[in-house]
Amino acid sequence: MGTMSTKIKEWISLVREKVKNGGVSESDLDQLEQMLQVKYRRQRLLYLQATTPSIRSSVIGMAQHEPVNGSITQIEPNTDDWKYQTVHDAIVDGWQAIFFPDQRTNFDDQEIDILGYEFILQKMEIYDE
């Protein structure tokens, strides 16, 4: 199962060769049209807890929810293994913020049962069934 972007890049590479060797056929365009007919989409969710409400502050907790039956939320306790050290890192990697934390004042999380400032991010994935 490849992503749509990968399939289109492969198609473009193939068609460039065809252009060099005599041209593109009607069936090549039909193939591209078929690739562009998106039927399946799923939402990936990433919960990041940061030390402040800024997208550039350090991440102190994370959970990723994949759109697969039976998947288990992955929470890595070792921050060195986390792919993102800030919310900004995740946004640069293509995640979209869909929820920003309340702009409350700073607090000492040892006294309150809250883990940082929670951001929720999503990636929409297009796939073939």
N, C-alpha and C. Protein backbone atom coordinates (compact mmCIF):
# COMPACT_ATOMS: atom_id res chain seq x y z
N MET A 1 0.85 -1.17 0.00
CA MET A 1 0.00 0.00 0.00
C MET A 1 0.90 1.23 0.00
N GLY A 2 0.85 2.00 -1.08
CA GLY A 2 1.63 3.23 -1.14
C GLY A 2 0.72 4.43 -0.95
N THR A 3 1.33 5.52 -0.57
CA THR A 3 0.55 6.74 -0.44
C THR A 3 0.26 7.30 -1.82
N MET A 4 -0.75 8.15 -1.89
CA MET A 4 -1.09 8.75 -3.17
C MET A 4 0.09 9.55 -3.71
N SER A 5 0.76 10.28 -2.85
CA SER A 5 1.90 11.09 -3.27
C SER A 5 2.98 10.23 -3.91
N THR A 6 3.27 9.08 -3.31
CA THR A 6 4.28 8.17 -3.85
C THR A 6 3.85 7.65 -5.21
N LYS A 7 2.60 7.26 -5.33
CA LYS A 7 2.10 6.73 -6.60
C LYS A 7 2.15 7.78 -7.70
N ILE A 8 1.81 9.00 -7.38
CA ILE A 8 1.83 10.07 -8.39
C ILE A 8 3.26 10.38 -8.80
N LYS A 9 4.19 10.40 -7.84
CA LYS A 9 5.60 10.62 -8.17
C LYS A 9 6.13 9.53 -9.10
N GLU A 10 5.75 8.28 -8.82
CA GLU A 10 6.16 7.18 -9.68
C GLU A 10 5.55 7.33 -11.08
N TRP A 11 4.28 7.75 -11.14
CA TRP A 11 3.61 7.94 -12.43
C TRP A 11 4.32 9.05 -13.22
N ILE A 12 4.65 10.15 -12.57
CA ILE A 12 5.32 11.26 -13.25
C ILE A 12 6.67 10.81 -13.81
N SER A 13 7.41 10.04 -13.04
CA SER A 13 8.70 9.53 -13.50
C SER A 13 8.53 8.66 -14.74
N LEU A 14 7.55 7.78 -14.72
CA LEU A 14 7.27 6.91 -15.86
C LEU A 14 6.86 7.72 -17.09
N VAL A 15 5.99 8.70 -16.90
CA VAL A 15 5.50 9.50 -18.02
C VAL A 15 6.62 10.38 -18.60
N ARG A 16 7.52 10.86 -17.76
CA ARG A 16 8.67 11.64 -18.29
C ARG A 16 9.48 10.80 -19.26
N GLU A 17 9.69 9.54 -18.92
CA GLU A 17 10.40 8.64 -19.83
C GLU A 17 9.63 8.46 -21.13
N LYS A 18 8.31 8.34 -21.02
CA LYS A 18 7.49 8.17 -22.22
C LYS A 18 7.54 9.42 -23.10
N VAL A 19 7.59 10.58 -22.48
CA VAL A 19 7.69 11.83 -23.25
C VAL A 19 9.00 11.84 -24.04
N LYS A 20 10.09 11.39 -23.42
CA LYS A 20 11.38 11.34 -24.11
C LYS A 20 11.37 10.34 -25.27
N ASN A 21 10.59 9.27 -25.11
CA ASN A 21 10.60 8.18 -26.09
C ASN A 21 9.39 8.18 -27.03
N GLY A 22 8.69 9.27 -27.16
CA GLY A 22 7.62 9.27 -28.13
C GLY A 22 6.28 9.79 -27.66
N GLY A 23 6.06 9.96 -26.40
CA GLY A 23 4.83 10.59 -25.98
C GLY A 23 3.98 9.81 -25.00
N VAL A 24 2.99 10.50 -24.51
CA VAL A 24 2.06 9.98 -23.52
C VAL A 24 0.79 9.56 -24.23
N SER A 25 0.22 8.45 -23.79
CA SER A 25 -1.00 7.96 -24.42
C SER A 25 -2.23 8.34 -23.59
N GLU A 26 -3.37 8.13 -24.18
CA GLU A 26 -4.64 8.37 -23.48
C GLU A 26 -4.75 7.48 -22.24
N SER A 27 -4.25 6.27 -22.34
CA SER A 27 -4.33 5.35 -21.20
C SER A 27 -3.47 5.84 -20.02
N ASP A 28 -2.38 6.55 -20.29
CA ASP A 28 -1.57 7.13 -19.21
C ASP A 28 -2.38 8.16 -18.44
N LEU A 29 -3.14 8.98 -19.14
CA LEU A 29 -3.97 9.99 -18.48
C LEU A 29 -5.12 9.33 -17.72
N ASP A 30 -5.66 8.24 -18.27
CA ASP A 30 -6.70 7.50 -17.56
C ASP A 30 -6.16 6.93 -16.25
N GLN A 31 -4.92 6.46 -16.28
CA GLN A 31 -4.28 5.91 -15.08
C GLN A 31 -4.14 6.99 -14.01
N LEU A 32 -3.72 8.20 -14.42
CA LEU A 32 -3.60 9.30 -13.46
C LEU A 32 -4.96 9.67 -12.89
N GLU A 33 -5.97 9.73 -13.74
CA GLU A 33 -7.31 10.07 -13.27
C GLU A 33 -7.80 9.05 -12.24
N GLN A 34 -7.51 7.79 -12.47
CA GLN A 34 -7.92 6.74 -11.54
C GLN A 34 -7.20 6.91 -10.20
N MET A 35 -5.92 7.29 -10.21
CA MET A 35 -5.17 7.49 -8.97
C MET A 35 -5.76 8.64 -8.15
N LEU A 36 -6.28 9.64 -8.82
CA LEU A 36 -6.79 10.82 -8.14
C LEU A 36 -8.18 10.63 -7.55
N GLN A 37 -8.83 9.53 -7.85
CA GLN A 37 -10.15 9.26 -7.28
C GLN A 37 -9.97 8.66 -5.89
N VAL A 38 -9.95 9.54 -4.91
CA VAL A 38 -9.71 9.15 -3.53
C VAL A 38 -10.96 8.52 -2.94
N LYS A 39 -10.82 7.33 -2.40
CA LYS A 39 -11.96 6.65 -1.81
C LYS A 39 -11.83 6.51 -0.31
N TYR A 40 -10.62 6.41 0.19
CA TYR A 40 -10.44 6.11 1.60
C TYR A 40 -9.52 7.14 2.25
N ARG A 41 -9.95 7.59 3.39
CA ARG A 41 -9.20 8.55 4.18
C ARG A 41 -9.30 8.17 5.64
N ARG A 42 -8.24 8.39 6.35
CA ARG A 42 -8.33 8.15 7.79
C ARG A 42 -7.51 9.20 8.53
N GLN A 43 -7.95 9.44 9.75
CA GLN A 43 -7.35 10.47 10.57
C GLN A 43 -6.41 9.85 11.60
N ARG A 44 -5.18 10.34 11.62
CA ARG A 44 -4.21 9.97 12.64
C ARG A 44 -4.20 11.09 13.67
N LEU A 45 -4.14 10.75 14.95
CA LEU A 45 -4.14 11.75 16.01
C LEU A 45 -2.87 11.65 16.84
N LEU A 46 -2.37 12.83 17.22
CA LEU A 46 -1.20 12.93 18.06
C LEU A 46 -1.50 13.91 19.18
N TYR A 47 -1.41 13.43 20.41
CA TYR A 47 -1.62 14.28 21.58
C TYR A 47 -0.23 14.61 22.14
N LEU A 48 0.05 15.90 22.26
CA LEU A 48 1.33 16.33 22.83
C LEU A 48 1.06 17.23 24.02
N GLN A 49 1.74 16.96 25.13
CA GLN A 49 1.66 17.83 26.29
C GLN A 49 2.98 18.59 26.37
N ALA A 50 2.87 19.93 26.46
CA ALA A 50 4.05 20.77 26.49
C ALA A 50 4.14 21.51 27.82
N THR A 51 5.31 22.06 28.10
CA THR A 51 5.53 22.75 29.37
C THR A 51 4.84 24.11 29.44
N THR A 52 4.55 24.72 28.28
CA THR A 52 3.84 26.01 28.23
C THR A 52 2.86 25.95 27.06
N PRO A 53 2.00 26.94 26.90
CA PRO A 53 1.07 26.94 25.76
C PRO A 53 1.73 27.29 24.42
N SER A 54 3.03 27.54 24.41
CA SER A 54 3.75 27.88 23.18
C SER A 54 4.05 26.61 22.38
N ILE A 55 3.93 26.68 21.06
CA ILE A 55 4.24 25.51 20.21
C ILE A 55 5.73 25.22 20.19
N ARG A 56 6.54 26.13 20.71
CA ARG A 56 8.00 25.93 20.73
C ARG A 56 8.53 25.45 22.08
N SER A 57 7.65 25.23 23.04
CA SER A 57 8.11 24.74 24.34
C SER A 57 8.32 23.22 24.29
N SER A 58 9.03 22.70 25.27
CA SER A 58 9.39 21.27 25.29
C SER A 58 8.17 20.39 25.52
N VAL A 59 8.14 19.28 24.82
CA VAL A 59 7.10 18.27 25.00
C VAL A 59 7.47 17.43 26.22
N ILE A 60 6.47 17.20 27.09
CA ILE A 60 6.70 16.41 28.30
C ILE A 60 5.84 15.14 28.33
N GLY A 61 4.97 15.00 27.34
CA GLY A 61 4.14 13.80 27.27
C GLY A 61 3.56 13.68 25.88
N MET A 62 3.34 12.46 25.44
CA MET A 62 2.75 12.27 24.11
C MET A 62 2.02 10.94 24.01
N ALA A 63 1.04 10.93 23.13
CA ALA A 63 0.30 9.70 22.81
C ALA A 63 -0.13 9.78 21.36
N GLN A 64 0.07 8.71 20.64
CA GLN A 64 -0.31 8.68 19.22
C GLN A 64 -1.40 7.63 19.04
N HIS A 65 -2.45 8.01 18.32
CA HIS A 65 -3.59 7.12 18.08
C HIS A 65 -3.67 6.88 16.57
N GLU A 66 -3.45 5.63 16.18
CA GLU A 66 -3.50 5.27 14.76
C GLU A 66 -4.87 4.70 14.41
N PRO A 67 -5.34 4.96 13.20
CA PRO A 67 -6.67 4.52 12.79
C PRO A 67 -6.69 3.07 12.31
N VAL A 68 -6.29 2.18 13.19
CA VAL A 68 -6.23 0.76 12.86
C VAL A 68 -6.97 0.00 13.96
N ASN A 69 -7.84 -0.90 13.56
CA ASN A 69 -8.56 -1.69 14.56
C ASN A 69 -7.59 -2.41 15.47
N GLY A 70 -7.84 -2.31 16.77
CA GLY A 70 -7.03 -2.99 17.74
C GLY A 70 -5.72 -2.31 18.07
N SER A 71 -5.48 -1.12 17.52
CA SER A 71 -4.21 -0.44 17.82
C SER A 71 -4.21 0.04 19.26
N ILE A 72 -3.03 0.10 19.81
CA ILE A 72 -2.86 0.54 21.19
C ILE A 72 -2.10 1.85 21.17
N THR A 73 -2.52 2.78 21.99
CA THR A 73 -1.84 4.06 22.10
C THR A 73 -0.41 3.84 22.54
N GLN A 74 0.50 4.41 21.81
CA GLN A 74 1.91 4.30 22.16
C GLN A 74 2.34 5.52 22.97
N ILE A 75 2.79 5.31 24.18
CA ILE A 75 3.32 6.37 25.01
C ILE A 75 4.74 5.96 25.39
N GLU A 76 5.68 6.65 24.86
CA GLU A 76 7.08 6.33 25.12
C GLU A 76 7.57 7.10 26.34
N PRO A 77 8.03 6.43 27.36
CA PRO A 77 8.49 7.13 28.56
C PRO A 77 9.84 7.83 28.38
N ASN A 78 10.66 7.37 27.45
CA ASN A 78 11.99 7.95 27.26
C ASN A 78 11.91 9.08 26.24
N THR A 79 12.07 10.30 26.68
CA THR A 79 11.92 11.46 25.79
C THR A 79 12.96 11.48 24.68
N ASP A 80 14.08 10.79 24.85
CA ASP A 80 15.09 10.75 23.79
C ASP A 80 14.59 10.01 22.56
N ASP A 81 13.61 9.12 22.75
CA ASP A 81 13.06 8.34 21.64
C ASP A 81 11.92 9.04 20.91
N TRP A 82 11.42 10.14 21.47
CA TRP A 82 10.30 10.83 20.84
C TRP A 82 10.73 11.47 19.53
N LYS A 83 9.89 11.36 18.55
CA LYS A 83 10.19 11.95 17.25
C LYS A 83 10.14 13.47 17.30
N TYR A 84 9.32 14.01 18.19
CA TYR A 84 9.14 15.46 18.27
C TYR A 84 9.50 15.95 19.67
N GLN A 85 10.34 16.94 19.74
CA GLN A 85 10.71 17.54 21.01
C GLN A 85 9.85 18.76 21.33
N THR A 86 9.20 19.32 20.28
CA THR A 86 8.28 20.45 20.45
C THR A 86 7.07 20.22 19.54
N VAL A 87 6.00 20.93 19.82
CA VAL A 87 4.81 20.89 18.95
C VAL A 87 5.19 21.43 17.57
N HIS A 88 6.04 22.43 17.55
CA HIS A 88 6.49 23.01 16.28
C HIS A 88 7.16 21.96 15.40
N ASP A 89 7.97 21.08 16.00
CA ASP A 89 8.61 19.99 15.23
C ASP A 89 7.56 19.14 14.53
N ALA A 90 6.47 18.83 15.22
CA ALA A 90 5.41 18.01 14.63
C ALA A 90 4.71 18.76 13.50
N ILE A 91 4.48 20.04 13.67
CA ILE A 91 3.83 20.84 12.63
C ILE A 91 4.71 20.90 11.39
N VAL A 92 6.02 21.06 11.57
CA VAL A 92 6.95 21.08 10.44
C VAL A 92 6.91 19.74 9.70
N ASP A 93 6.64 18.65 10.42
CA ASP A 93 6.58 17.32 9.82
C ASP A 93 5.22 17.02 9.18
N GLY A 94 4.31 18.01 9.15
CA GLY A 94 3.05 17.80 8.46
C GLY A 94 1.83 17.59 9.33
N TRP A 95 1.99 17.55 10.64
CA TRP A 95 0.84 17.44 11.53
C TRP A 95 0.14 18.78 11.58
N GLN A 96 -1.18 18.76 11.68
CA GLN A 96 -1.98 19.99 11.77
C GLN A 96 -2.58 20.08 13.16
N ALA A 97 -2.40 21.24 13.80
CA ALA A 97 -2.98 21.44 15.13
C ALA A 97 -4.49 21.62 14.99
N ILE A 98 -5.25 20.81 15.72
CA ILE A 98 -6.72 20.95 15.69
C ILE A 98 -7.26 21.39 17.04
N PHE A 99 -6.38 21.39 18.06
CA PHE A 99 -6.79 21.87 19.38
C PHE A 99 -5.58 22.47 20.07
N PHE A 100 -5.77 23.68 20.56
CA PHE A 100 -4.73 24.35 21.33
C PHE A 100 -5.18 24.40 22.79
N PRO A 101 -4.23 24.37 23.72
CA PRO A 101 -4.60 24.38 25.13
C PRO A 101 -5.14 25.74 25.56
N ASP A 102 -5.89 25.71 26.64
CA ASP A 102 -6.35 26.96 27.24
C ASP A 102 -5.14 27.79 27.63
N GLN A 103 -5.29 29.08 27.56
CA GLN A 103 -4.19 29.98 27.90
C GLN A 103 -4.22 30.31 29.39
N ARG A 104 -4.22 29.29 30.22
CA ARG A 104 -4.26 29.50 31.66
C ARG A 104 -2.87 29.88 32.17
N THR A 105 -2.81 30.33 33.38
CA THR A 105 -1.52 30.71 33.95
C THR A 105 -0.70 29.48 34.28
N ASN A 106 0.58 29.68 34.49
CA ASN A 106 1.47 28.58 34.84
C ASN A 106 1.02 27.92 36.15
N PHE A 107 1.34 26.66 36.29
CA PHE A 107 0.96 25.92 37.48
C PHE A 107 2.05 24.92 37.82
N ASP A 108 2.01 24.41 39.02
CA ASP A 108 2.93 23.37 39.45
C ASP A 108 2.19 22.05 39.31
N ASP A 109 2.56 21.26 38.31
CA ASP A 109 1.80 20.04 38.03
C ASP A 109 1.95 18.96 39.10
N GLN A 110 2.77 19.17 40.11
CA GLN A 110 2.85 18.21 41.21
C GLN A 110 1.68 18.38 42.17
N GLU A 111 1.05 19.57 42.13
CA GLU A 111 -0.08 19.82 43.01
C GLU A 111 -1.42 19.60 42.32
N ILE A 112 -1.42 19.63 40.99
CA ILE A 112 -2.65 19.49 40.22
C ILE A 112 -2.50 18.26 39.31
N ASP A 113 -3.57 17.52 39.12
CA ASP A 113 -3.53 16.31 38.30
C ASP A 113 -3.70 16.65 36.81
N ILE A 114 -2.80 17.46 36.28
CA ILE A 114 -2.82 17.84 34.87
C ILE A 114 -1.39 17.71 34.36
N LEU A 115 -1.23 17.14 33.18
CA LEU A 115 0.10 16.99 32.60
C LEU A 115 0.29 18.03 31.51
N GLY A 116 0.88 19.14 31.84
CA GLY A 116 1.23 20.15 30.85
C GLY A 116 0.05 20.76 30.12
N TYR A 117 0.37 21.36 28.99
CA TYR A 117 -0.61 22.02 28.12
C TYR A 117 -0.80 21.11 26.90
N GLU A 118 -2.02 20.60 26.73
CA GLU A 118 -2.26 19.59 25.71
C GLU A 118 -2.62 20.19 24.36
N PHE A 119 -1.89 19.76 23.34
CA PHE A 119 -2.16 20.08 21.94
C PHE A 119 -2.64 18.79 21.29
N ILE A 120 -3.62 18.90 20.40
CA ILE A 120 -4.05 17.73 19.63
C ILE A 120 -3.77 18.05 18.17
N LEU A 121 -3.08 17.14 17.50
CA LEU A 121 -2.72 17.32 16.11
C LEU A 121 -3.25 16.16 15.28
N GLN A 122 -3.43 16.41 13.99
CA GLN A 122 -3.92 15.35 13.11
C GLN A 122 -3.13 15.33 11.81
N LYS A 123 -3.13 14.15 11.19
CA LYS A 123 -2.66 13.96 9.82
C LYS A 123 -3.75 13.17 9.13
N MET A 124 -4.17 13.63 7.98
CA MET A 124 -5.14 12.89 7.20
C MET A 124 -4.35 12.02 6.22
N GLU A 125 -4.63 10.73 6.27
CA GLU A 125 -3.90 9.77 5.44
C GLU A 125 -4.84 9.24 4.37
N ILE A 126 -4.38 9.24 3.14
CA ILE A 126 -5.15 8.69 2.04
C ILE A 126 -4.56 7.33 1.72
N TYR A 127 -5.39 6.32 1.58
CA TYR A 127 -4.90 4.97 1.37
C TYR A 127 -5.84 4.19 0.47
N ASP A 128 -5.33 3.09 -0.04
CA ASP A 128 -6.12 2.15 -0.84
C ASP A 128 -6.59 1.02 0.04
N GLU A 129 -7.81 0.59 -0.14
CA GLU A 129 -8.35 -0.52 0.65
C GLU A 129 -8.02 -1.82 -0.05
